[in-house]
Structure formats: structure tokens, C-alpha cells
Amino acid sequence: MEHRLLNRRPLILALALLGGCFYPDHDTPLPSCERQAGARVARGSLRVLPSEVAGIGIDSASWHDHTGSPDMNVETTLFYEAFLSATVAVPLDSIAVRFRSSRAADDSALLVAGFLVARRTDGGSARQMSGGVIRPAEPRYALAALSRRGRKPGPWGCPRSVQVIHAGRG
């Protein structure tokens, strides 16, 4: 009996050590965002501000804070995303999507302009578009992200709003 237990100890120890090396992907509550009850949240909707560019609008916008382990390095990323539509054809190099948070220091890194506004595919993912124009039948997707190594959320402000603006106005 004692012999069987001794043989299992290395296996249990190896599993415990290996289990500590892999971090599951999960949403990470953002300390700067709290609900009324004081609970921190890891995702939410963004307030859509009126577009500065005639004929371009934002259908929906959201954010989420996520921790995962790409290539064995643990990383926490705050994602911002917005889905744009048009009623007229507008060159992408004339527009930008400005995401804002409660911390102005982050906002310059969250400006998405021109060819970074990608065409959505049927599966909901984005790919680089083939043309430099947003058209009524071709909705576009804007994604911005802030990342840092580690499992703790970054020092980012709480995501607040999104707006289509004229390029170069940032």
C-alpha cells in the first residue's frame, strides 16, 4: 500500500506544477469601472456620441477587459469595438473613430483611422478591407486595444464613449 502512494506523488506534483504554468482565458474586472452596488465589471456598452461626419453612424459599441496567455505569456487587454454603417459612400481616409475613457492619457492610443477600419466577415471577425471607402452595403468594424503583461488589469480608465470624427482631428 505504501509503495502505491509513493509512486503517485511525483505524478501529483507534476500535475500541480504544470497546472500553475497555464492560465485560462477569462474576463478581468476593471478597477476603474464600478456598478451602483460597488461591483467591478469586465465588460459593457459604450455611449455613442453623434457623428461629426454626415452619412456615417455607429450601430453599436462595447468594451471588455480580458486576460489570456498568448504564446505562454500572460497578457491583459482592454478591447474597444464599434460597428459602423453608412448611408452614403465616404472615403475611409477622411474619418476616424475616437474611443474615450475616464482617463485622458489612454485616449490618444484609442484613435482608429483610415484603413484600420476593417470590413466585417460573416463570422463576425474583421479582415483588412479591399477598398478605401465605406458604403451603405458594407458595414465596417473598428477595434482598439490597450495591453500589458500580467494577470492584473491595467491602470486604464473606465471606457466611456465612441464617436466618428473627421480624420486628423484626433
N, C-alpha and C. Protein backbone atom coordinates (compact mmCIF):
# COMPACT_ATOMS: atom_id res chain seq x y z
N MET A 1 0.82 -1.19 0.00
CA MET A 1 0.00 0.00 0.00
C MET A 1 0.86 1.25 0.00
N GLU A 2 1.86 1.28 0.87
CA GLU A 2 2.76 2.44 0.95
C GLU A 2 3.47 2.66 -0.38
N HIS A 3 3.83 1.59 -1.06
CA HIS A 3 4.53 1.66 -2.33
C HIS A 3 3.68 2.37 -3.40
N ARG A 4 2.37 2.09 -3.45
CA ARG A 4 1.48 2.72 -4.44
C ARG A 4 1.39 4.23 -4.21
N LEU A 5 1.31 4.67 -2.96
CA LEU A 5 1.22 6.10 -2.67
C LEU A 5 2.49 6.83 -3.09
N LEU A 6 3.63 6.21 -2.84
CA LEU A 6 4.88 6.84 -3.23
C LEU A 6 4.98 7.00 -4.74
N ASN A 7 4.47 6.05 -5.49
CA ASN A 7 4.51 6.13 -6.94
C ASN A 7 3.61 7.24 -7.49
N ARG A 8 2.57 7.58 -6.77
CA ARG A 8 1.64 8.61 -7.25
C ARG A 8 2.10 10.03 -6.92
N ARG A 9 2.94 10.19 -5.92
CA ARG A 9 3.37 11.53 -5.52
C ARG A 9 4.04 12.30 -6.65
N PRO A 10 4.97 11.73 -7.40
CA PRO A 10 5.58 12.50 -8.50
C PRO A 10 4.54 12.94 -9.54
N LEU A 11 3.56 12.09 -9.81
CA LEU A 11 2.53 12.43 -10.78
C LEU A 11 1.69 13.60 -10.28
N ILE A 12 1.30 13.57 -9.02
CA ILE A 12 0.50 14.65 -8.43
C ILE A 12 1.31 15.94 -8.42
N LEU A 13 2.59 15.85 -8.05
CA LEU A 13 3.44 17.03 -8.03
C LEU A 13 3.63 17.59 -9.43
N ALA A 14 3.83 16.73 -10.42
CA ALA A 14 3.99 17.19 -11.79
C ALA A 14 2.72 17.86 -12.30
N LEU A 15 1.55 17.31 -11.99
CA LEU A 15 0.30 17.93 -12.41
C LEU A 15 0.11 19.29 -11.75
N ALA A 16 0.46 19.39 -10.48
CA ALA A 16 0.33 20.67 -9.77
C ALA A 16 1.27 21.71 -10.36
N LEU A 17 2.49 21.31 -10.69
CA LEU A 17 3.44 22.24 -11.29
C LEU A 17 3.01 22.67 -12.69
N LEU A 18 2.56 21.71 -13.49
CA LEU A 18 2.09 22.04 -14.84
C LEU A 18 0.85 22.91 -14.79
N GLY A 19 -0.04 22.63 -13.87
CA GLY A 19 -1.27 23.42 -13.76
C GLY A 19 -0.97 24.87 -13.45
N GLY A 20 0.13 25.15 -12.78
CA GLY A 20 0.50 26.52 -12.47
C GLY A 20 1.07 27.26 -13.66
N CYS A 21 1.42 26.58 -14.72
CA CYS A 21 2.03 27.21 -15.89
C CYS A 21 1.01 27.73 -16.89
N PHE A 22 -0.18 27.24 -16.87
CA PHE A 22 -1.19 27.61 -17.86
C PHE A 22 -2.27 28.44 -17.20
N TYR A 23 -2.57 29.57 -17.77
CA TYR A 23 -3.59 30.45 -17.23
C TYR A 23 -4.79 30.44 -18.17
N PRO A 24 -5.95 30.11 -17.68
CA PRO A 24 -7.11 30.10 -18.56
C PRO A 24 -7.49 31.53 -18.95
N ASP A 25 -8.05 31.67 -20.15
CA ASP A 25 -8.56 32.97 -20.59
C ASP A 25 -9.78 33.32 -19.76
N HIS A 26 -9.89 34.57 -19.36
CA HIS A 26 -11.06 35.00 -18.61
C HIS A 26 -11.19 36.52 -18.67
N ASP A 27 -12.38 37.00 -18.43
CA ASP A 27 -12.62 38.43 -18.34
C ASP A 27 -12.09 38.91 -16.99
N THR A 28 -11.50 40.09 -17.00
CA THR A 28 -10.91 40.66 -15.80
C THR A 28 -11.67 41.92 -15.42
N PRO A 29 -12.26 41.97 -14.23
CA PRO A 29 -12.95 43.20 -13.83
C PRO A 29 -11.99 44.39 -13.82
N LEU A 30 -12.45 45.50 -14.34
CA LEU A 30 -11.63 46.70 -14.44
C LEU A 30 -11.84 47.55 -13.18
N PRO A 31 -10.78 47.79 -12.40
CA PRO A 31 -10.94 48.54 -11.15
C PRO A 31 -11.56 49.92 -11.31
N SER A 32 -11.36 50.56 -12.45
CA SER A 32 -11.88 51.91 -12.65
C SER A 32 -13.37 51.93 -12.98
N CYS A 33 -13.98 50.77 -13.19
CA CYS A 33 -15.41 50.70 -13.53
C CYS A 33 -16.18 50.00 -12.41
N GLU A 34 -17.16 50.67 -11.88
CA GLU A 34 -17.99 50.07 -10.83
C GLU A 34 -19.46 50.29 -11.13
N ARG A 35 -20.26 49.31 -10.77
CA ARG A 35 -21.71 49.46 -10.85
C ARG A 35 -22.20 50.14 -9.59
N GLN A 36 -23.50 50.37 -9.50
CA GLN A 36 -24.06 51.02 -8.33
C GLN A 36 -23.81 50.24 -7.05
N ALA A 37 -23.83 48.93 -7.12
CA ALA A 37 -23.64 48.11 -5.92
C ALA A 37 -22.16 48.00 -5.54
N GLY A 38 -21.29 48.66 -6.28
CA GLY A 38 -19.87 48.62 -5.96
C GLY A 38 -19.12 47.47 -6.60
N ALA A 39 -19.80 46.63 -7.36
CA ALA A 39 -19.14 45.51 -8.02
C ALA A 39 -18.39 46.00 -9.26
N ARG A 40 -17.20 45.53 -9.44
CA ARG A 40 -16.44 45.88 -10.64
C ARG A 40 -16.96 45.08 -11.82
N VAL A 41 -16.84 45.65 -13.00
CA VAL A 41 -17.32 44.98 -14.20
C VAL A 41 -16.17 44.77 -15.18
N ALA A 42 -16.31 43.77 -16.05
CA ALA A 42 -15.27 43.43 -17.02
C ALA A 42 -15.70 43.71 -18.45
N ARG A 43 -16.94 44.17 -18.63
CA ARG A 43 -17.44 44.46 -19.98
C ARG A 43 -18.62 45.40 -19.90
N GLY A 44 -18.90 46.06 -21.01
CA GLY A 44 -20.03 46.98 -21.03
C GLY A 44 -20.21 47.61 -22.39
N SER A 45 -21.22 48.45 -22.49
CA SER A 45 -21.51 49.19 -23.72
C SER A 45 -20.88 50.57 -23.63
N LEU A 46 -20.58 51.12 -24.79
CA LEU A 46 -20.06 52.48 -24.86
C LEU A 46 -21.18 53.42 -25.29
N ARG A 47 -21.17 54.63 -24.76
CA ARG A 47 -22.14 55.64 -25.17
C ARG A 47 -21.73 56.13 -26.56
N VAL A 48 -22.64 56.07 -27.50
CA VAL A 48 -22.36 56.50 -28.87
C VAL A 48 -22.72 57.98 -28.99
N LEU A 49 -21.70 58.80 -29.28
CA LEU A 49 -21.90 60.23 -29.46
C LEU A 49 -22.28 60.51 -30.91
N PRO A 50 -22.96 61.61 -31.19
CA PRO A 50 -23.34 61.94 -32.57
C PRO A 50 -22.12 62.04 -33.48
N SER A 51 -22.24 61.53 -34.67
CA SER A 51 -21.16 61.54 -35.64
C SER A 51 -20.89 62.96 -36.13
N GLU A 52 -19.60 63.29 -36.31
CA GLU A 52 -19.21 64.56 -36.91
C GLU A 52 -19.25 64.47 -38.43
N VAL A 53 -19.33 63.27 -38.97
CA VAL A 53 -19.26 63.05 -40.41
C VAL A 53 -20.65 62.66 -40.92
N ALA A 54 -21.20 63.46 -41.80
CA ALA A 54 -22.53 63.20 -42.34
C ALA A 54 -22.55 61.86 -43.08
N GLY A 55 -23.58 61.07 -42.82
CA GLY A 55 -23.76 59.80 -43.52
C GLY A 55 -23.10 58.60 -42.87
N ILE A 56 -22.34 58.80 -41.79
CA ILE A 56 -21.66 57.70 -41.09
C ILE A 56 -22.20 57.64 -39.67
N GLY A 57 -22.54 56.44 -39.21
CA GLY A 57 -23.03 56.27 -37.85
C GLY A 57 -22.45 55.03 -37.21
N ILE A 58 -22.60 54.94 -35.92
CA ILE A 58 -22.16 53.76 -35.17
C ILE A 58 -23.41 53.01 -34.73
N ASP A 59 -23.52 51.76 -35.17
CA ASP A 59 -24.67 50.92 -34.82
C ASP A 59 -24.60 50.44 -33.38
N SER A 60 -23.43 50.00 -32.94
CA SER A 60 -23.24 49.54 -31.57
C SER A 60 -21.76 49.63 -31.22
N ALA A 61 -21.48 49.71 -29.92
CA ALA A 61 -20.09 49.79 -29.46
C ALA A 61 -20.01 49.19 -28.06
N SER A 62 -18.91 48.50 -27.78
CA SER A 62 -18.75 47.87 -26.48
C SER A 62 -17.27 47.77 -26.12
N TRP A 63 -17.01 47.29 -24.91
CA TRP A 63 -15.64 47.07 -24.44
C TRP A 63 -15.63 45.84 -23.55
N HIS A 64 -14.44 45.25 -23.41
CA HIS A 64 -14.25 44.19 -22.42
C HIS A 64 -12.76 44.06 -22.07
N ASP A 65 -12.50 43.74 -20.82
CA ASP A 65 -11.15 43.56 -20.31
C ASP A 65 -10.91 42.06 -20.18
N HIS A 66 -9.85 41.56 -20.80
CA HIS A 66 -9.66 40.12 -20.93
C HIS A 66 -8.21 39.75 -20.57
N THR A 67 -8.06 38.65 -19.85
CA THR A 67 -6.74 38.11 -19.55
C THR A 67 -6.61 36.75 -20.23
N GLY A 68 -5.50 36.55 -20.91
CA GLY A 68 -5.24 35.29 -21.59
C GLY A 68 -3.75 35.04 -21.64
N SER A 69 -3.37 33.91 -22.19
CA SER A 69 -1.96 33.57 -22.26
C SER A 69 -1.55 33.25 -23.69
N PRO A 70 -1.43 34.28 -24.53
CA PRO A 70 -0.94 34.02 -25.88
C PRO A 70 0.55 33.67 -25.84
N ASP A 71 0.95 32.64 -26.52
CA ASP A 71 2.36 32.24 -26.60
C ASP A 71 3.02 32.11 -25.23
N MET A 72 2.30 31.58 -24.26
CA MET A 72 2.81 31.30 -22.92
C MET A 72 3.11 32.55 -22.09
N ASN A 73 2.81 33.74 -22.58
CA ASN A 73 2.96 34.96 -21.80
C ASN A 73 1.58 35.44 -21.40
N VAL A 74 1.36 35.68 -20.13
CA VAL A 74 0.06 36.15 -19.66
C VAL A 74 -0.05 37.63 -20.00
N GLU A 75 -1.19 38.00 -20.57
CA GLU A 75 -1.40 39.37 -21.00
C GLU A 75 -2.83 39.79 -20.71
N THR A 76 -3.01 41.01 -20.23
CA THR A 76 -4.33 41.57 -20.01
C THR A 76 -4.56 42.65 -21.05
N THR A 77 -5.70 42.59 -21.73
CA THR A 77 -6.00 43.51 -22.81
C THR A 77 -7.39 44.09 -22.63
N LEU A 78 -7.48 45.39 -22.80
CA LEU A 78 -8.75 46.10 -22.78
C LEU A 78 -9.13 46.37 -24.23
N PHE A 79 -10.21 45.73 -24.70
CA PHE A 79 -10.66 45.87 -26.09
C PHE A 79 -11.81 46.87 -26.18
N TYR A 80 -11.76 47.72 -27.20
CA TYR A 80 -12.85 48.61 -27.57
C TYR A 80 -13.27 48.22 -28.98
N GLU A 81 -14.58 48.15 -29.26
CA GLU A 81 -15.01 47.85 -30.61
C GLU A 81 -16.27 48.62 -30.96
N ALA A 82 -16.39 48.95 -32.24
CA ALA A 82 -17.56 49.69 -32.73
C ALA A 82 -17.90 49.19 -34.13
N PHE A 83 -19.19 49.13 -34.42
CA PHE A 83 -19.67 48.70 -35.73
C PHE A 83 -20.28 49.91 -36.42
N LEU A 84 -19.71 50.27 -37.58
CA LEU A 84 -20.11 51.46 -38.31
C LEU A 84 -20.95 51.11 -39.53
N SER A 85 -21.85 52.01 -39.87
CA SER A 85 -22.62 51.87 -41.10
C SER A 85 -22.68 53.23 -41.78
N ALA A 86 -23.04 53.21 -43.07
CA ALA A 86 -23.08 54.44 -43.85
C ALA A 86 -24.37 54.54 -44.65
N THR A 87 -24.80 55.76 -44.87
CA THR A 87 -25.94 56.00 -45.77
C THR A 87 -25.45 56.56 -47.10
N VAL A 88 -24.18 56.99 -47.15
CA VAL A 88 -23.53 57.48 -48.37
C VAL A 88 -22.11 56.93 -48.39
N ALA A 89 -21.49 56.94 -49.56
CA ALA A 89 -20.10 56.50 -49.67
C ALA A 89 -19.17 57.59 -49.14
N VAL A 90 -18.25 57.20 -48.24
CA VAL A 90 -17.32 58.15 -47.65
C VAL A 90 -15.92 57.52 -47.65
N PRO A 91 -14.90 58.25 -48.12
CA PRO A 91 -13.54 57.70 -48.08
C PRO A 91 -13.08 57.46 -46.64
N LEU A 92 -12.49 56.28 -46.40
CA LEU A 92 -12.04 55.95 -45.05
C LEU A 92 -10.92 56.86 -44.56
N ASP A 93 -10.13 57.40 -45.48
CA ASP A 93 -9.05 58.28 -45.03
C ASP A 93 -9.56 59.65 -44.57
N SER A 94 -10.86 59.87 -44.68
CA SER A 94 -11.43 61.14 -44.20
C SER A 94 -12.10 61.01 -42.84
N ILE A 95 -12.16 59.78 -42.29
CA ILE A 95 -12.83 59.57 -41.00
C ILE A 95 -11.91 58.88 -39.99
N ALA A 96 -12.27 59.00 -38.74
CA ALA A 96 -11.60 58.28 -37.66
C ALA A 96 -12.66 57.93 -36.62
N VAL A 97 -12.36 56.92 -35.81
CA VAL A 97 -13.24 56.53 -34.72
C VAL A 97 -12.48 56.82 -33.43
N ARG A 98 -13.07 57.67 -32.59
CA ARG A 98 -12.41 58.08 -31.35
C ARG A 98 -13.12 57.41 -30.17
N PHE A 99 -12.37 56.55 -29.48
CA PHE A 99 -12.86 55.93 -28.25
C PHE A 99 -12.35 56.77 -27.09
N ARG A 100 -13.18 56.93 -26.06
CA ARG A 100 -12.78 57.72 -24.89
C ARG A 100 -13.01 56.93 -23.61
N SER A 101 -12.17 57.24 -22.62
CA SER A 101 -12.29 56.61 -21.31
C SER A 101 -12.31 57.69 -20.24
N SER A 102 -12.33 57.28 -18.99
CA SER A 102 -12.29 58.24 -17.89
C SER A 102 -10.87 58.71 -17.62
N ARG A 103 -9.91 58.21 -18.39
CA ARG A 103 -8.50 58.59 -18.23
C ARG A 103 -7.99 59.11 -19.57
N ALA A 104 -7.86 60.42 -19.69
CA ALA A 104 -7.48 61.05 -20.96
C ALA A 104 -6.14 60.56 -21.49
N ALA A 105 -5.24 60.12 -20.63
CA ALA A 105 -3.92 59.65 -21.06
C ALA A 105 -4.01 58.44 -21.99
N ASP A 106 -5.08 57.66 -21.91
CA ASP A 106 -5.26 56.48 -22.76
C ASP A 106 -5.84 56.81 -24.12
N ASP A 107 -6.56 57.91 -24.21
CA ASP A 107 -7.42 58.15 -25.37
C ASP A 107 -6.68 58.32 -26.69
N SER A 108 -5.46 58.86 -26.68
CA SER A 108 -4.73 59.03 -27.94
C SER A 108 -4.37 57.68 -28.55
N ALA A 109 -4.19 56.66 -27.73
CA ALA A 109 -3.88 55.32 -28.23
C ALA A 109 -5.12 54.61 -28.75
N LEU A 110 -6.29 55.19 -28.54
CA LEU A 110 -7.54 54.53 -28.91
C LEU A 110 -8.17 55.13 -30.16
N LEU A 111 -7.43 55.94 -30.91
CA LEU A 111 -7.94 56.54 -32.14
C LEU A 111 -7.72 55.57 -33.30
N VAL A 112 -8.78 55.23 -34.01
CA VAL A 112 -8.71 54.29 -35.13
C VAL A 112 -9.07 55.05 -36.39
N ALA A 113 -8.18 55.04 -37.38
CA ALA A 113 -8.42 55.84 -38.58
C ALA A 113 -8.11 55.06 -39.85
N GLY A 114 -8.71 55.54 -40.94
CA GLY A 114 -8.41 55.06 -42.29
C GLY A 114 -8.55 53.57 -42.47
N PHE A 115 -7.48 52.95 -42.96
CA PHE A 115 -7.55 51.55 -43.33
C PHE A 115 -7.62 50.60 -42.14
N LEU A 116 -7.53 51.10 -40.93
CA LEU A 116 -7.70 50.26 -39.74
C LEU A 116 -9.18 49.97 -39.48
N VAL A 117 -10.06 50.70 -40.16
CA VAL A 117 -11.50 50.44 -40.06
C VAL A 117 -11.78 49.33 -41.08
N ALA A 118 -11.92 48.12 -40.60
CA ALA A 118 -11.96 46.93 -41.45
C ALA A 118 -13.38 46.51 -41.81
N ARG A 119 -13.49 45.69 -42.83
CA ARG A 119 -14.78 45.11 -43.22
C ARG A 119 -15.05 43.89 -42.36
N ARG A 120 -16.28 43.72 -41.90
CA ARG A 120 -16.65 42.53 -41.12
C ARG A 120 -16.89 41.35 -42.05
N THR A 121 -16.56 40.17 -41.56
CA THR A 121 -16.88 38.96 -42.31
C THR A 121 -18.14 38.35 -41.72
N ASP A 122 -18.67 37.32 -42.35
CA ASP A 122 -19.91 36.69 -41.87
C ASP A 122 -19.76 36.13 -40.46
N GLY A 123 -18.58 35.67 -40.09
CA GLY A 123 -18.37 35.10 -38.77
C GLY A 123 -18.23 36.14 -37.68
N GLY A 124 -18.25 37.42 -38.04
CA GLY A 124 -18.14 38.47 -37.04
C GLY A 124 -16.72 38.95 -36.82
N SER A 125 -15.74 38.28 -37.43
CA SER A 125 -14.37 38.74 -37.27
C SER A 125 -14.08 39.83 -38.31
N ALA A 126 -12.96 40.47 -38.16
CA ALA A 126 -12.61 41.56 -39.08
C ALA A 126 -11.45 41.12 -39.97
N ARG A 127 -11.39 41.69 -41.14
CA ARG A 127 -10.25 41.48 -42.02
C ARG A 127 -9.96 42.80 -42.72
N GLN A 128 -8.79 42.93 -43.25
CA GLN A 128 -8.44 44.16 -43.95
C GLN A 128 -9.35 44.31 -45.17
N MET A 129 -9.86 45.48 -45.38
CA MET A 129 -10.81 45.67 -46.48
C MET A 129 -10.08 45.83 -47.79
N SER A 130 -10.84 45.67 -48.87
CA SER A 130 -10.25 45.75 -50.20
C SER A 130 -10.29 47.16 -50.75
N GLY A 131 -11.18 47.99 -50.25
CA GLY A 131 -11.29 49.35 -50.76
C GLY A 131 -11.18 50.37 -49.67
N GLY A 132 -10.94 51.61 -50.05
CA GLY A 132 -10.77 52.67 -49.08
C GLY A 132 -12.01 53.52 -48.89
N VAL A 133 -13.19 52.90 -49.05
CA VAL A 133 -14.45 53.64 -48.94
C VAL A 133 -15.43 52.82 -48.11
N ILE A 134 -16.17 53.50 -47.22
CA ILE A 134 -17.27 52.84 -46.53
C ILE A 134 -18.52 53.18 -47.33
N ARG A 135 -19.30 52.14 -47.64
CA ARG A 135 -20.51 52.29 -48.46
C ARG A 135 -21.72 51.78 -47.70
N PRO A 136 -22.93 52.17 -48.13
CA PRO A 136 -24.14 51.72 -47.43
C PRO A 136 -24.26 50.21 -47.26
N ALA A 137 -23.84 49.44 -48.22
CA ALA A 137 -23.99 47.98 -48.13
C ALA A 137 -22.78 47.29 -47.50
N GLU A 138 -21.82 48.07 -47.01
CA GLU A 138 -20.59 47.50 -46.47
C GLU A 138 -20.28 48.06 -45.09
N PRO A 139 -20.89 47.51 -44.03
CA PRO A 139 -20.57 47.98 -42.68
C PRO A 139 -19.10 47.76 -42.35
N ARG A 140 -18.58 48.55 -41.46
CA ARG A 140 -17.17 48.44 -41.07
C ARG A 140 -17.05 48.22 -39.57
N TYR A 141 -15.87 47.79 -39.16
CA TYR A 141 -15.59 47.41 -37.78
C TYR A 141 -14.32 48.14 -37.34
N ALA A 142 -14.38 48.80 -36.20
CA ALA A 142 -13.20 49.47 -35.64
C ALA A 142 -12.86 48.81 -34.31
N LEU A 143 -11.61 48.46 -34.14
CA LEU A 143 -11.14 47.80 -32.92
C LEU A 143 -9.91 48.54 -32.41
N ALA A 144 -9.89 48.83 -31.13
CA ALA A 144 -8.71 49.41 -30.48
C ALA A 144 -8.45 48.59 -29.22
N ALA A 145 -7.20 48.56 -28.79
CA ALA A 145 -6.87 47.75 -27.61
C ALA A 145 -5.69 48.35 -26.87
N LEU A 146 -5.73 48.19 -25.56
CA LEU A 146 -4.61 48.53 -24.68
C LEU A 146 -4.19 47.23 -24.02
N SER A 147 -2.88 46.92 -24.01
CA SER A 147 -2.40 45.65 -23.45
C SER A 147 -1.24 45.86 -22.51
N ARG A 148 -1.10 44.90 -21.61
CA ARG A 148 0.07 44.85 -20.74
C ARG A 148 0.28 43.42 -20.28
N ARG A 149 1.51 43.09 -19.94
CA ARG A 149 1.83 41.76 -19.45
C ARG A 149 1.30 41.60 -18.03
N GLY A 150 0.88 40.39 -17.71
CA GLY A 150 0.44 40.08 -16.35
C GLY A 150 -1.04 39.78 -16.28
N ARG A 151 -1.44 39.29 -15.11
CA ARG A 151 -2.83 38.88 -14.91
C ARG A 151 -3.69 39.99 -14.34
N LYS A 152 -3.08 41.05 -13.82
CA LYS A 152 -3.85 42.13 -13.24
C LYS A 152 -4.29 43.11 -14.32
N PRO A 153 -5.45 43.74 -14.14
CA PRO A 153 -5.88 44.73 -15.13
C PRO A 153 -4.92 45.91 -15.17
N GLY A 154 -4.87 46.54 -16.31
CA GLY A 154 -4.01 47.70 -16.46
C GLY A 154 -4.55 48.90 -15.71
N PRO A 155 -3.79 49.97 -15.69
CA PRO A 155 -4.20 51.18 -14.98
C PRO A 155 -5.14 52.04 -15.82
N TRP A 156 -5.89 51.41 -16.69
CA TRP A 156 -6.71 52.15 -17.64
C TRP A 156 -7.95 52.75 -17.00
N GLY A 157 -8.44 53.81 -17.64
CA GLY A 157 -9.68 54.42 -17.19
C GLY A 157 -10.87 53.58 -17.66
N CYS A 158 -12.00 53.84 -17.07
CA CYS A 158 -13.22 53.12 -17.45
C CYS A 158 -13.67 53.59 -18.84
N PRO A 159 -13.91 52.67 -19.77
CA PRO A 159 -14.37 53.04 -21.11
C PRO A 159 -15.69 53.82 -21.03
N ARG A 160 -15.80 54.89 -21.82
CA ARG A 160 -16.97 55.75 -21.73
C ARG A 160 -17.76 55.89 -23.03
N SER A 161 -17.08 56.35 -24.11
CA SER A 161 -17.84 56.72 -25.30
C SER A 161 -17.06 56.46 -26.58
N VAL A 162 -17.77 56.61 -27.69
CA VAL A 162 -17.19 56.44 -29.02
C VAL A 162 -17.86 57.43 -29.96
N GLN A 163 -17.09 57.90 -30.96
CA GLN A 163 -17.64 58.89 -31.89
C GLN A 163 -16.88 58.80 -33.21
N VAL A 164 -17.60 58.98 -34.32
CA VAL A 164 -16.97 59.12 -35.63
C VAL A 164 -16.62 60.60 -35.77
N ILE A 165 -15.34 60.85 -36.10
CA ILE A 165 -14.87 62.22 -36.28
C ILE A 165 -14.17 62.35 -37.62
N HIS A 166 -13.85 63.58 -38.01
CA HIS A 166 -13.06 63.82 -39.21
C HIS A 166 -11.61 63.42 -38.94
N ALA A 167 -10.98 62.74 -39.88
CA ALA A 167 -9.59 62.30 -39.71
C ALA A 167 -8.69 63.52 -39.49
N GLY A 168 -7.69 63.34 -38.66
CA GLY A 168 -6.76 64.42 -38.38
C GLY A 168 -7.21 65.32 -37.24
N ARG A 169 -8.43 65.12 -36.76
CA ARG A 169 -8.92 65.96 -35.66
C ARG A 169 -8.54 65.38 -34.31
N GLY A 170 -8.37 64.04 -34.22
CA GLY A 170 -7.98 63.30 -33.04
C GLY A 170 -8.18 63.96 -31.77
